[in-house]
């Protein structure tokens, strides 16, 4: 699982834009965890 996590982190880090990074993160984590749903919440601390 740690190898898979490392692969996901590398893919997310190489994404050129935030929306692409989030898409990769959600898709790959969902697949790795074998779930149907995954969400990411962003906090705006302004």
PDB file of N, CA and C in Angstrom:
ATOM      1  N   UNK A   1       0.823  -1.204   0.000  1.00  0.00           N
ATOM      2  CA  UNK A   1       0.000   0.000   0.000  1.00  0.00           C
ATOM      3  C   UNK A   1       0.862   1.261   0.000  1.00  0.00           C
ATOM      4  N   UNK A   2       2.005   1.225   0.696  1.00  0.00           N
ATOM      5  CA  UNK A   2       2.871   2.397   0.713  1.00  0.00           C
ATOM      6  C   UNK A   2       3.440   2.700  -0.665  1.00  0.00           C
ATOM      7  N   UNK A   3       3.709   1.654  -1.434  1.00  0.00           N
ATOM      8  CA  UNK A   3       4.186   1.859  -2.800  1.00  0.00           C
ATOM      9  C   UNK A   3       3.122   2.561  -3.620  1.00  0.00           C
ATOM     10  N   UNK A   4       1.891   2.123  -3.476  1.00  0.00           N
ATOM     11  CA  UNK A   4       0.774   2.736  -4.216  1.00  0.00           C
ATOM     12  C   UNK A   4       0.585   4.188  -3.786  1.00  0.00           C
ATOM     13  N   UNK A   5       0.693   4.457  -2.497  1.00  0.00           N
ATOM     14  CA  UNK A   5       0.568   5.822  -1.990  1.00  0.00           C
ATOM     15  C   UNK A   5       1.663   6.710  -2.583  1.00  0.00           C
ATOM     16  N   UNK A   6       2.872   6.203  -2.650  1.00  0.00           N
ATOM     17  CA  UNK A   6       3.983   6.955  -3.232  1.00  0.00           C
ATOM     18  C   UNK A   6       3.714   7.275  -4.704  1.00  0.00           C
ATOM     19  N   UNK A   7       3.188   6.306  -5.433  1.00  0.00           N
ATOM     20  CA  UNK A   7       2.855   6.520  -6.848  1.00  0.00           C
ATOM     21  C   UNK A   7       1.807   7.626  -6.999  1.00  0.00           C
ATOM     22  N   UNK A   8       0.806   7.598  -6.134  1.00  0.00           N
ATOM     23  CA  UNK A   8      -0.251   8.614  -6.184  1.00  0.00           C
ATOM     24  C   UNK A   8       0.333   9.995  -5.892  1.00  0.00           C
ATOM     25  N   UNK A   9       1.157  10.085  -4.869  1.00  0.00           N
ATOM     26  CA  UNK A   9       1.765  11.366  -4.498  1.00  0.00           C
ATOM     27  C   UNK A   9       2.610  11.913  -5.640  1.00  0.00           C
ATOM     28  N   UNK A  10       3.366  11.052  -6.299  1.00  0.00           N
ATOM     29  CA  UNK A  10       4.198  11.489  -7.423  1.00  0.00           C
ATOM     30  C   UNK A  10       3.341  11.999  -8.583  1.00  0.00           C
ATOM     31  N   UNK A  11       2.239  11.305  -8.871  1.00  0.00           N
ATOM     32  CA  UNK A  11       1.346  11.748  -9.946  1.00  0.00           C
ATOM     33  C   UNK A  11       0.697  13.086  -9.603  1.00  0.00           C
ATOM     34  N   UNK A  12       0.255  13.229  -8.372  1.00  0.00           N
ATOM     35  CA  UNK A  12      -0.378  14.477  -7.941  1.00  0.00           C
ATOM     36  C   UNK A  12       0.633  15.624  -8.006  1.00  0.00           C
ATOM     37  N   UNK A  13       1.845  15.373  -7.552  1.00  0.00           N
ATOM     38  CA  UNK A  13       2.878  16.413  -7.546  1.00  0.00           C
ATOM     39  C   UNK A  13       3.261  16.861  -8.953  1.00  0.00           C
ATOM     40  N   UNK A  14       3.108  15.982  -9.927  1.00  0.00           N
ATOM     41  CA  UNK A  14       3.497  16.338 -11.294  1.00  0.00           C
ATOM     42  C   UNK A  14       2.370  16.991 -12.094  1.00  0.00           C
ATOM     43  N   UNK A  15       1.199  17.085 -11.517  1.00  0.00           N
ATOM     44  CA  UNK A  15       0.067  17.708 -12.216  1.00  0.00           C
ATOM     45  C   UNK A  15       0.317  19.209 -12.362  1.00  0.00           C
ATOM     46  N   UNK A  16       0.059  19.748 -13.547  1.00  0.00           N
ATOM     47  CA  UNK A  16       0.350  21.167 -13.779  1.00  0.00           C
ATOM     48  C   UNK A  16      -0.643  22.142 -13.130  1.00  0.00           C
ATOM     49  N   UNK A  17      -1.845  21.678 -12.826  1.00  0.00           N
ATOM     50  CA  UNK A  17      -2.859  22.560 -12.247  1.00  0.00           C
ATOM     51  C   UNK A  17      -3.565  21.868 -11.077  1.00  0.00           C
ATOM     52  N   UNK A  18      -4.076  22.684 -10.171  1.00  0.00           N
ATOM     53  CA  UNK A  18      -4.740  22.156  -8.977  1.00  0.00           C
ATOM     54  C   UNK A  18      -5.902  21.241  -9.330  1.00  0.00           C
ATOM     55  N   UNK A  19      -6.744  21.636 -10.271  1.00  0.00           N
ATOM     56  CA  UNK A  19      -7.911  20.806 -10.590  1.00  0.00           C
ATOM     57  C   UNK A  19      -7.487  19.442 -11.138  1.00  0.00           C
ATOM     58  N   UNK A  20      -6.412  19.391 -11.894  1.00  0.00           N
ATOM     59  CA  UNK A  20      -5.913  18.109 -12.392  1.00  0.00           C
ATOM     60  C   UNK A  20      -5.335  17.274 -11.251  1.00  0.00           C
ATOM     61  N   UNK A  21      -4.626  17.920 -10.330  1.00  0.00           N
ATOM     62  CA  UNK A  21      -4.068  17.214  -9.175  1.00  0.00           C
ATOM     63  C   UNK A  21      -5.183  16.604  -8.332  1.00  0.00           C
ATOM     64  N   UNK A  22      -6.248  17.357  -8.133  1.00  0.00           N
ATOM     65  CA  UNK A  22      -7.370  16.855  -7.336  1.00  0.00           C
ATOM     66  C   UNK A  22      -8.081  15.707  -8.036  1.00  0.00           C
ATOM     67  N   UNK A  23      -8.234  15.798  -9.346  1.00  0.00           N
ATOM     68  CA  UNK A  23      -8.843  14.697 -10.108  1.00  0.00           C
ATOM     69  C   UNK A  23      -8.021  13.420  -9.967  1.00  0.00           C
ATOM     70  N   UNK A  24      -6.712  13.548 -10.108  1.00  0.00           N
ATOM     71  CA  UNK A  24      -5.818  12.391  -9.963  1.00  0.00           C
ATOM     72  C   UNK A  24      -5.926  11.825  -8.554  1.00  0.00           C
ATOM     73  N   UNK A  25      -5.877  12.704  -7.563  1.00  0.00           N
ATOM     74  CA  UNK A  25      -5.934  12.277  -6.167  1.00  0.00           C
ATOM     75  C   UNK A  25      -7.204  11.490  -5.876  1.00  0.00           C
ATOM     76  N   UNK A  26      -8.338  12.039  -6.259  1.00  0.00           N
ATOM     77  CA  UNK A  26      -9.618  11.386  -5.974  1.00  0.00           C
ATOM     78  C   UNK A  26      -9.736  10.057  -6.720  1.00  0.00           C
ATOM     79  N   UNK A  27      -9.407  10.055  -7.989  1.00  0.00           N
ATOM     80  CA  UNK A  27      -9.526   8.840  -8.798  1.00  0.00           C
ATOM     81  C   UNK A  27      -8.614   7.734  -8.282  1.00  0.00           C
ATOM     82  N   UNK A  28      -7.350   8.071  -8.053  1.00  0.00           N
ATOM     83  CA  UNK A  28      -6.381   7.049  -7.661  1.00  0.00           C
ATOM     84  C   UNK A  28      -6.600   6.546  -6.231  1.00  0.00           C
ATOM     85  N   UNK A  29      -6.959   7.438  -5.314  1.00  0.00           N
ATOM     86  CA  UNK A  29      -7.241   7.003  -3.940  1.00  0.00           C
ATOM     87  C   UNK A  29      -8.484   6.122  -3.920  1.00  0.00           C
ATOM     88  N   UNK A  30      -9.484   6.486  -4.677  1.00  0.00           N
ATOM     89  CA  UNK A  30     -10.712   5.690  -4.762  1.00  0.00           C
ATOM     90  C   UNK A  30     -10.399   4.279  -5.264  1.00  0.00           C
ATOM     91  N   UNK A  31      -9.577   4.180  -6.296  1.00  0.00           N
ATOM     92  CA  UNK A  31      -9.190   2.871  -6.831  1.00  0.00           C
ATOM     93  C   UNK A  31      -8.360   2.087  -5.821  1.00  0.00           C
ATOM     94  N   UNK A  32      -7.392   2.744  -5.189  1.00  0.00           N
ATOM     95  CA  UNK A  32      -6.513   2.065  -4.240  1.00  0.00           C
ATOM     96  C   UNK A  32      -7.281   1.541  -3.029  1.00  0.00           C
ATOM     97  N   UNK A  33      -8.287   2.305  -2.593  1.00  0.00           N
ATOM     98  CA  UNK A  33      -9.066   1.916  -1.422  1.00  0.00           C
ATOM     99  C   UNK A  33     -10.248   1.022  -1.788  1.00  0.00           C
ATOM    100  N   UNK A  34     -10.437   0.807  -3.097  1.00  0.00           N
ATOM    101  CA  UNK A  34     -11.544  -0.010  -3.594  1.00  0.00           C
ATOM    102  C   UNK A  34     -12.892   0.497  -3.080  1.00  0.00           C
ATOM    103  N   UNK A  35     -13.093   1.808  -3.237  1.00  0.00           N
ATOM    104  CA  UNK A  35     -14.352   2.429  -2.844  1.00  0.00           C
ATOM    105  C   UNK A  35     -15.037   3.013  -4.071  1.00  0.00           C
ATOM    106  N   UNK A  36     -16.282   3.338  -3.925  1.00  0.00           N
ATOM    107  CA  UNK A  36     -17.032   3.932  -5.022  1.00  0.00           C
ATOM    108  C   UNK A  36     -17.031   5.456  -4.951  1.00  0.00           C
ATOM    109  N   UNK A  37     -16.758   6.007  -3.778  1.00  0.00           N
ATOM    110  CA  UNK A  37     -16.847   7.444  -3.581  1.00  0.00           C
ATOM    111  C   UNK A  37     -15.626   7.934  -2.812  1.00  0.00           C
ATOM    112  N   UNK A  38     -15.131   9.086  -3.222  1.00  0.00           N
ATOM    113  CA  UNK A  38     -14.026   9.738  -2.522  1.00  0.00           C
ATOM    114  C   UNK A  38     -14.224  11.237  -2.679  1.00  0.00           C
ATOM    115  N   UNK A  39     -13.965  11.979  -1.629  1.00  0.00           N
ATOM    116  CA  UNK A  39     -14.149  13.431  -1.680  1.00  0.00           C
ATOM    117  C   UNK A  39     -12.947  14.136  -1.084  1.00  0.00           C
ATOM    118  N   UNK A  40     -12.697  15.335  -1.585  1.00  0.00           N
ATOM    119  CA  UNK A  40     -11.660  16.204  -1.036  1.00  0.00           C
ATOM    120  C   UNK A  40     -12.328  17.536  -0.735  1.00  0.00           C
ATOM    121  N   UNK A  41     -12.138  18.026   0.465  1.00  0.00           N
ATOM    122  CA  UNK A  41     -12.688  19.311   0.858  1.00  0.00           C
ATOM    123  C   UNK A  41     -11.542  20.295   1.026  1.00  0.00           C
ATOM    124  N   UNK A  42     -11.671  21.453   0.413  1.00  0.00           N
ATOM    125  CA  UNK A  42     -10.666  22.499   0.528  1.00  0.00           C
ATOM    126  C   UNK A  42     -11.183  23.578   1.467  1.00  0.00           C
ATOM    127  N   UNK A  43     -10.341  23.995   2.391  1.00  0.00           N
ATOM    128  CA  UNK A  43     -10.709  25.054   3.321  1.00  0.00           C
ATOM    129  C   UNK A  43     -10.159  26.382   2.821  1.00  0.00           C
ATOM    130  N   UNK A  44     -10.982  27.402   2.865  1.00  0.00           N
ATOM    131  CA  UNK A  44     -10.560  28.749   2.510  1.00  0.00           C
ATOM    132  C   UNK A  44     -10.493  29.545   3.800  1.00  0.00           C
ATOM    133  N   UNK A  45      -9.294  29.800   4.263  1.00  0.00           N
ATOM    134  CA  UNK A  45      -9.112  30.443   5.562  1.00  0.00           C
ATOM    135  C   UNK A  45      -9.048  31.962   5.486  1.00  0.00           C
ATOM    136  N   UNK A  46      -9.561  32.548   4.432  1.00  0.00           N
ATOM    137  CA  UNK A  46      -9.546  34.017   4.300  1.00  0.00           C
ATOM    138  C   UNK A  46     -10.576  34.667   5.173  1.00  0.00           C
TER     139      UNK A  46
END
